[in-house]
Amino acid sequence: MLRDYNIELKGLSEFVAELLLLTNENKILLFEGEMGSGKTTLIKEICRQLFVTDVTGSPTFSIVNQYKCQDGNTVYHFDLYRLKNKSEVFEIGMDEYIQSGKYCLIEWPEVGNDFYPDNTLKIEISGIGNHRHYRISSN
């Protein structure tokens, strides 16, 4: 699956949340884009669509934030930017998070590529200012 989207953030977040809610198999989303491209902003909006009740924010320093949803589900929000290799990804317990069946929204996912199952959705963000381009694909 490969689709390109030139839509507003709200529309994309609604679409992605619907995809996540409809699947019981893979609740993992990878977010790629340059620094400042809007990865965290998109994740915050997706969390809103999933009815997250906690305050969301960038896990740059904590590496992972955990949020609760109204329906009892859990969302894990990762920022792997500071991790250098797959050993560090293993040390944070990525394999356990991935296998938990919970939502895992992962910024800067490249260092953890060995941990993601087949058919994981990836959202690539490009563009500047208010003009973003989104590409959704699966590995």
N, C-alpha and C. Protein backbone atom coordinates (compact mmCIF):
# COMPACT_ATOMS: atom_id res chain seq x y z
N MET A 1 0.85 -1.17 0.00
CA MET A 1 0.00 0.00 0.00
C MET A 1 0.90 1.23 0.00
N LEU A 2 0.66 2.11 -0.91
CA LEU A 2 1.38 3.38 -0.94
C LEU A 2 0.42 4.43 -1.45
N ARG A 3 0.19 5.44 -0.62
CA ARG A 3 -0.71 6.51 -1.01
C ARG A 3 -0.10 7.82 -0.59
N ASP A 4 -0.27 8.84 -1.41
CA ASP A 4 0.18 10.18 -1.09
C ASP A 4 -1.02 11.03 -0.75
N TYR A 5 -0.85 11.92 0.22
CA TYR A 5 -1.93 12.76 0.67
C TYR A 5 -1.48 14.20 0.75
N ASN A 6 -2.26 15.08 0.21
CA ASN A 6 -2.09 16.52 0.37
C ASN A 6 -3.36 17.03 1.03
N ILE A 7 -3.58 16.64 2.29
CA ILE A 7 -4.79 17.03 2.99
C ILE A 7 -4.41 17.74 4.28
N GLU A 8 -5.38 18.30 4.92
CA GLU A 8 -5.16 19.00 6.17
C GLU A 8 -4.85 18.01 7.29
N LEU A 9 -4.16 18.49 8.29
CA LEU A 9 -3.74 17.68 9.43
C LEU A 9 -4.92 16.96 10.08
N LYS A 10 -6.00 17.67 10.31
CA LYS A 10 -7.17 17.07 10.97
C LYS A 10 -7.72 15.91 10.15
N GLY A 11 -7.83 16.10 8.85
CA GLY A 11 -8.34 15.03 7.99
C GLY A 11 -7.43 13.81 7.99
N LEU A 12 -6.14 14.04 7.94
CA LEU A 12 -5.20 12.93 7.97
C LEU A 12 -5.26 12.20 9.31
N SER A 13 -5.30 12.96 10.40
CA SER A 13 -5.32 12.31 11.72
C SER A 13 -6.60 11.49 11.91
N GLU A 14 -7.72 11.97 11.39
CA GLU A 14 -8.97 11.20 11.46
C GLU A 14 -8.84 9.90 10.68
N PHE A 15 -8.25 9.99 9.48
CA PHE A 15 -8.06 8.81 8.63
C PHE A 15 -7.16 7.79 9.32
N VAL A 16 -6.03 8.25 9.87
CA VAL A 16 -5.06 7.35 10.51
C VAL A 16 -5.67 6.73 11.77
N ALA A 17 -6.36 7.51 12.58
CA ALA A 17 -7.00 6.97 13.78
C ALA A 17 -8.03 5.90 13.41
N GLU A 18 -8.77 6.15 12.35
CA GLU A 18 -9.74 5.16 11.89
C GLU A 18 -9.04 3.87 11.47
N LEU A 19 -7.91 3.98 10.76
CA LEU A 19 -7.14 2.79 10.39
C LEU A 19 -6.72 2.02 11.64
N LEU A 20 -6.22 2.73 12.64
CA LEU A 20 -5.78 2.08 13.87
C LEU A 20 -6.94 1.41 14.61
N LEU A 21 -8.07 2.07 14.65
CA LEU A 21 -9.22 1.52 15.37
C LEU A 21 -9.81 0.31 14.66
N LEU A 22 -9.64 0.24 13.35
CA LEU A 22 -10.23 -0.86 12.57
C LEU A 22 -9.38 -2.12 12.59
N THR A 23 -8.11 -2.00 12.95
CA THR A 23 -7.24 -3.17 12.90
C THR A 23 -6.95 -3.68 14.30
N ASN A 24 -6.95 -4.97 14.44
CA ASN A 24 -6.54 -5.59 15.69
C ASN A 24 -5.16 -6.20 15.57
N GLU A 25 -4.61 -6.19 14.39
CA GLU A 25 -3.34 -6.85 14.14
C GLU A 25 -2.13 -5.96 14.40
N ASN A 26 -2.11 -4.79 13.79
CA ASN A 26 -0.91 -3.97 13.84
C ASN A 26 -1.28 -2.55 14.23
N LYS A 27 -0.89 -2.17 15.42
CA LYS A 27 -1.20 -0.84 15.92
C LYS A 27 0.07 0.00 16.01
N ILE A 28 0.97 -0.25 15.09
CA ILE A 28 2.26 0.44 15.11
C ILE A 28 2.33 1.40 13.93
N LEU A 29 2.71 2.64 14.21
CA LEU A 29 2.88 3.66 13.17
C LEU A 29 4.26 4.25 13.29
N LEU A 30 4.95 4.34 12.17
CA LEU A 30 6.27 4.94 12.10
C LEU A 30 6.15 6.30 11.44
N PHE A 31 6.81 7.30 12.01
CA PHE A 31 6.73 8.67 11.49
C PHE A 31 8.13 9.13 11.09
N GLU A 32 8.30 9.42 9.81
CA GLU A 32 9.58 9.89 9.30
C GLU A 32 9.41 11.30 8.74
N GLY A 33 10.43 12.11 8.94
CA GLY A 33 10.43 13.47 8.42
C GLY A 33 11.56 14.24 9.03
N GLU A 34 11.91 15.32 8.39
CA GLU A 34 12.98 16.18 8.90
C GLU A 34 12.60 16.77 10.25
N MET A 35 13.60 17.27 10.95
CA MET A 35 13.37 17.98 12.21
C MET A 35 12.41 19.14 11.93
N GLY A 36 11.38 19.25 12.73
CA GLY A 36 10.42 20.33 12.57
C GLY A 36 9.37 20.10 11.49
N SER A 37 9.29 18.89 10.96
CA SER A 37 8.33 18.62 9.88
C SER A 37 6.90 18.43 10.37
N GLY A 38 6.73 18.25 11.67
CA GLY A 38 5.38 18.11 12.20
C GLY A 38 5.03 16.71 12.69
N LYS A 39 6.02 15.87 12.93
CA LYS A 39 5.74 14.51 13.41
C LYS A 39 4.99 14.53 14.74
N THR A 40 5.51 15.29 15.70
CA THR A 40 4.87 15.34 17.02
C THR A 40 3.49 15.98 16.93
N THR A 41 3.35 16.99 16.13
CA THR A 41 2.04 17.65 15.96
C THR A 41 1.02 16.67 15.40
N LEU A 42 1.41 15.88 14.41
CA LEU A 42 0.50 14.88 13.84
C LEU A 42 0.15 13.82 14.89
N ILE A 43 1.14 13.38 15.65
CA ILE A 43 0.88 12.37 16.68
C ILE A 43 -0.08 12.92 17.74
N LYS A 44 0.10 14.17 18.14
CA LYS A 44 -0.82 14.77 19.11
C LYS A 44 -2.25 14.76 18.58
N GLU A 45 -2.41 15.06 17.30
CA GLU A 45 -3.75 15.09 16.70
C GLU A 45 -4.32 13.67 16.59
N ILE A 46 -3.49 12.69 16.26
CA ILE A 46 -3.96 11.30 16.22
C ILE A 46 -4.39 10.86 17.62
N CYS A 47 -3.61 11.23 18.64
CA CYS A 47 -3.98 10.91 20.02
C CYS A 47 -5.33 11.53 20.39
N ARG A 48 -5.56 12.73 19.94
CA ARG A 48 -6.85 13.38 20.19
C ARG A 48 -7.98 12.57 19.56
N GLN A 49 -7.74 12.08 18.34
CA GLN A 49 -8.74 11.27 17.64
C GLN A 49 -8.97 9.92 18.33
N LEU A 50 -7.94 9.42 19.04
CA LEU A 50 -8.06 8.16 19.78
C LEU A 50 -8.60 8.38 21.20
N PHE A 51 -9.00 9.61 21.49
CA PHE A 51 -9.57 9.99 22.78
C PHE A 51 -8.60 9.78 23.94
N VAL A 52 -7.34 10.19 23.71
CA VAL A 52 -6.35 10.17 24.78
C VAL A 52 -6.76 11.21 25.81
N THR A 53 -6.74 10.83 27.07
CA THR A 53 -7.15 11.72 28.15
C THR A 53 -5.97 12.45 28.79
N ASP A 54 -4.75 11.97 28.56
CA ASP A 54 -3.56 12.57 29.14
C ASP A 54 -3.06 13.73 28.27
N VAL A 55 -2.24 14.57 28.86
CA VAL A 55 -1.57 15.63 28.10
C VAL A 55 -0.48 14.97 27.26
N THR A 56 -0.46 15.28 25.97
CA THR A 56 0.55 14.69 25.09
C THR A 56 1.68 15.68 24.85
N GLY A 57 2.85 15.15 24.61
CA GLY A 57 4.00 15.99 24.35
C GLY A 57 5.13 15.16 23.77
N SER A 58 6.17 15.83 23.37
CA SER A 58 7.30 15.14 22.76
C SER A 58 8.09 14.36 23.80
N PRO A 59 8.38 13.08 23.53
CA PRO A 59 9.19 12.29 24.44
C PRO A 59 10.68 12.33 24.10
N THR A 60 11.16 13.47 23.60
CA THR A 60 12.55 13.57 23.17
C THR A 60 13.52 13.14 24.26
N PHE A 61 13.30 13.57 25.48
CA PHE A 61 14.24 13.25 26.55
C PHE A 61 13.87 11.97 27.29
N SER A 62 12.59 11.68 27.40
CA SER A 62 12.17 10.46 28.09
C SER A 62 12.19 9.24 27.18
N ILE A 63 12.26 9.44 25.89
CA ILE A 63 12.25 8.44 24.81
C ILE A 63 10.86 7.85 24.59
N VAL A 64 10.10 7.60 25.65
CA VAL A 64 8.75 7.07 25.48
C VAL A 64 7.81 7.72 26.49
N ASN A 65 6.65 8.13 25.99
CA ASN A 65 5.56 8.61 26.85
C ASN A 65 4.42 7.61 26.74
N GLN A 66 3.70 7.44 27.82
CA GLN A 66 2.53 6.56 27.85
C GLN A 66 1.30 7.41 28.09
N TYR A 67 0.27 7.20 27.25
CA TYR A 67 -0.98 7.94 27.38
C TYR A 67 -2.13 6.95 27.52
N LYS A 68 -3.14 7.34 28.25
CA LYS A 68 -4.35 6.53 28.40
C LYS A 68 -5.47 7.12 27.55
N CYS A 69 -6.28 6.22 26.99
CA CYS A 69 -7.45 6.62 26.21
C CYS A 69 -8.71 6.43 27.05
N GLN A 70 -9.78 7.12 26.65
CA GLN A 70 -11.06 7.00 27.36
C GLN A 70 -11.56 5.56 27.43
N ASP A 71 -11.30 4.78 26.39
CA ASP A 71 -11.80 3.40 26.34
C ASP A 71 -10.88 2.41 27.05
N GLY A 72 -9.83 2.90 27.72
CA GLY A 72 -8.92 2.02 28.45
C GLY A 72 -7.69 1.60 27.68
N ASN A 73 -7.67 1.89 26.38
CA ASN A 73 -6.49 1.57 25.57
C ASN A 73 -5.30 2.42 26.01
N THR A 74 -4.12 2.00 25.60
CA THR A 74 -2.89 2.71 25.90
C THR A 74 -2.20 3.08 24.60
N VAL A 75 -1.62 4.27 24.58
CA VAL A 75 -0.81 4.72 23.45
C VAL A 75 0.60 4.96 23.97
N TYR A 76 1.58 4.35 23.29
CA TYR A 76 2.99 4.62 23.58
C TYR A 76 3.53 5.52 22.48
N HIS A 77 4.12 6.63 22.86
CA HIS A 77 4.67 7.60 21.91
C HIS A 77 6.18 7.62 22.10
N PHE A 78 6.90 7.23 21.07
CA PHE A 78 8.36 7.12 21.12
C PHE A 78 9.02 8.21 20.30
N ASP A 79 10.17 8.65 20.76
CA ASP A 79 11.06 9.50 19.98
C ASP A 79 12.45 8.85 20.07
N LEU A 80 12.85 8.18 19.02
CA LEU A 80 14.11 7.42 19.02
C LEU A 80 15.30 8.23 18.51
N TYR A 81 15.12 9.53 18.37
CA TYR A 81 16.15 10.39 17.80
C TYR A 81 17.51 10.24 18.49
N ARG A 82 17.52 10.14 19.80
CA ARG A 82 18.78 10.10 20.55
C ARG A 82 19.41 8.71 20.63
N LEU A 83 18.70 7.67 20.19
CA LEU A 83 19.25 6.32 20.25
C LEU A 83 20.19 6.09 19.07
N LYS A 84 21.30 5.44 19.35
CA LYS A 84 22.36 5.29 18.34
C LYS A 84 22.34 3.96 17.59
N ASN A 85 21.84 2.89 18.22
CA ASN A 85 21.90 1.58 17.58
C ASN A 85 20.78 0.68 18.11
N LYS A 86 20.64 -0.50 17.48
CA LYS A 86 19.53 -1.38 17.87
C LYS A 86 19.71 -1.96 19.26
N SER A 87 20.92 -1.99 19.78
CA SER A 87 21.14 -2.43 21.16
C SER A 87 20.45 -1.49 22.14
N GLU A 88 20.54 -0.19 21.89
CA GLU A 88 19.86 0.79 22.74
C GLU A 88 18.34 0.68 22.62
N VAL A 89 17.88 0.36 21.42
CA VAL A 89 16.44 0.17 21.21
C VAL A 89 15.97 -1.05 22.01
N PHE A 90 16.77 -2.11 21.99
CA PHE A 90 16.45 -3.30 22.77
C PHE A 90 16.42 -2.98 24.26
N GLU A 91 17.37 -2.18 24.73
CA GLU A 91 17.48 -1.84 26.15
C GLU A 91 16.26 -1.10 26.68
N ILE A 92 15.58 -0.34 25.85
CA ILE A 92 14.37 0.36 26.31
C ILE A 92 13.15 -0.57 26.31
N GLY A 93 13.34 -1.81 25.84
CA GLY A 93 12.25 -2.78 25.83
C GLY A 93 11.33 -2.67 24.64
N MET A 94 11.86 -2.18 23.52
CA MET A 94 11.01 -1.98 22.34
C MET A 94 10.26 -3.24 21.93
N ASP A 95 10.91 -4.39 22.00
CA ASP A 95 10.24 -5.62 21.60
C ASP A 95 9.00 -5.87 22.47
N GLU A 96 9.07 -5.55 23.75
CA GLU A 96 7.90 -5.73 24.63
C GLU A 96 6.78 -4.75 24.29
N TYR A 97 7.14 -3.51 24.01
CA TYR A 97 6.13 -2.53 23.61
C TYR A 97 5.44 -2.97 22.32
N ILE A 98 6.24 -3.39 21.35
CA ILE A 98 5.71 -3.79 20.04
C ILE A 98 4.76 -4.98 20.18
N GLN A 99 5.11 -5.91 21.06
CA GLN A 99 4.30 -7.11 21.23
C GLN A 99 3.14 -6.93 22.20
N SER A 100 3.01 -5.76 22.79
CA SER A 100 1.98 -5.51 23.81
C SER A 100 0.56 -5.45 23.23
N GLY A 101 0.44 -5.21 21.94
CA GLY A 101 -0.88 -5.04 21.34
C GLY A 101 -1.45 -3.64 21.54
N LYS A 102 -0.66 -2.76 22.12
CA LYS A 102 -1.07 -1.37 22.34
C LYS A 102 -0.63 -0.52 21.15
N TYR A 103 -1.16 0.69 21.07
CA TYR A 103 -0.74 1.61 20.02
C TYR A 103 0.69 2.06 20.28
N CYS A 104 1.53 1.99 19.26
CA CYS A 104 2.92 2.45 19.33
C CYS A 104 3.14 3.44 18.19
N LEU A 105 3.33 4.70 18.53
CA LEU A 105 3.54 5.77 17.55
C LEU A 105 5.00 6.19 17.70
N ILE A 106 5.79 5.98 16.63
CA ILE A 106 7.25 6.06 16.76
C ILE A 106 7.84 7.10 15.82
N GLU A 107 8.44 8.14 16.43
CA GLU A 107 9.18 9.14 15.67
C GLU A 107 10.63 8.69 15.52
N TRP A 108 11.26 9.05 14.42
CA TRP A 108 12.66 8.68 14.12
C TRP A 108 12.83 7.16 14.26
N PRO A 109 12.03 6.37 13.53
CA PRO A 109 11.99 4.92 13.75
C PRO A 109 13.16 4.12 13.14
N GLU A 110 13.97 4.74 12.33
CA GLU A 110 14.96 4.00 11.54
C GLU A 110 15.87 3.10 12.38
N VAL A 111 16.29 3.57 13.55
CA VAL A 111 17.21 2.80 14.38
C VAL A 111 16.56 1.51 14.90
N GLY A 112 15.25 1.44 14.91
CA GLY A 112 14.54 0.27 15.42
C GLY A 112 13.96 -0.62 14.35
N ASN A 113 14.40 -0.49 13.11
CA ASN A 113 13.79 -1.23 12.00
C ASN A 113 13.72 -2.74 12.22
N ASP A 114 14.66 -3.31 12.97
CA ASP A 114 14.65 -4.76 13.18
C ASP A 114 13.52 -5.22 14.11
N PHE A 115 12.85 -4.30 14.77
CA PHE A 115 11.84 -4.65 15.76
C PHE A 115 10.41 -4.62 15.24
N TYR A 116 10.18 -4.01 14.10
CA TYR A 116 8.81 -3.80 13.63
C TYR A 116 8.32 -4.98 12.81
N PRO A 117 7.07 -5.39 13.02
CA PRO A 117 6.53 -6.51 12.23
C PRO A 117 6.23 -6.09 10.79
N ASP A 118 6.00 -7.10 9.96
CA ASP A 118 5.60 -6.83 8.58
C ASP A 118 4.29 -6.04 8.57
N ASN A 119 4.09 -5.30 7.52
CA ASN A 119 2.88 -4.50 7.32
C ASN A 119 2.71 -3.37 8.32
N THR A 120 3.82 -2.93 8.91
CA THR A 120 3.77 -1.76 9.78
C THR A 120 3.55 -0.52 8.91
N LEU A 121 2.66 0.34 9.33
CA LEU A 121 2.39 1.56 8.58
C LEU A 121 3.45 2.61 8.85
N LYS A 122 3.85 3.29 7.79
CA LYS A 122 4.82 4.38 7.90
C LYS A 122 4.22 5.62 7.27
N ILE A 123 4.38 6.75 7.96
CA ILE A 123 3.94 8.04 7.44
C ILE A 123 5.17 8.91 7.26
N GLU A 124 5.42 9.28 6.02
CA GLU A 124 6.53 10.17 5.71
C GLU A 124 5.98 11.57 5.53
N ILE A 125 6.61 12.54 6.18
CA ILE A 125 6.15 13.92 6.13
C ILE A 125 7.22 14.76 5.45
N SER A 126 6.80 15.53 4.48
CA SER A 126 7.71 16.47 3.82
C SER A 126 6.98 17.79 3.62
N GLY A 127 7.73 18.80 3.27
CA GLY A 127 7.15 20.11 3.04
C GLY A 127 7.57 21.09 4.11
N ILE A 128 7.23 22.33 3.87
CA ILE A 128 7.60 23.39 4.82
C ILE A 128 6.39 24.26 5.13
N GLY A 129 6.49 24.97 6.24
CA GLY A 129 5.41 25.88 6.60
C GLY A 129 4.09 25.16 6.75
N ASN A 130 3.04 25.74 6.21
CA ASN A 130 1.71 25.13 6.29
C ASN A 130 1.44 24.14 5.16
N HIS A 131 2.42 23.90 4.32
CA HIS A 131 2.23 23.01 3.17
C HIS A 131 2.97 21.71 3.41
N ARG A 132 2.26 20.72 3.91
CA ARG A 132 2.84 19.42 4.21
C ARG A 132 2.34 18.40 3.20
N HIS A 133 3.19 17.44 2.94
CA HIS A 133 2.85 16.33 2.06
C HIS A 133 3.03 15.05 2.89
N TYR A 134 2.06 14.17 2.88
CA TYR A 134 2.10 12.96 3.66
C TYR A 134 2.08 11.76 2.73
N ARG A 135 2.94 10.81 2.99
CA ARG A 135 2.97 9.56 2.22
C ARG A 135 2.78 8.41 3.22
N ILE A 136 1.77 7.60 2.99
CA ILE A 136 1.51 6.44 3.85
C ILE A 136 1.86 5.18 3.07
N SER A 137 2.67 4.34 3.72
CA SER A 137 3.05 3.07 3.09
C SER A 137 3.16 2.01 4.18
N SER A 138 3.33 0.77 3.77
CA SER A 138 3.58 -0.31 4.72
C SER A 138 4.81 -1.06 4.26
N ASN A 139 5.53 -1.60 5.24
CA ASN A 139 6.77 -2.32 4.89
C ASN A 139 6.49 -3.75 4.58
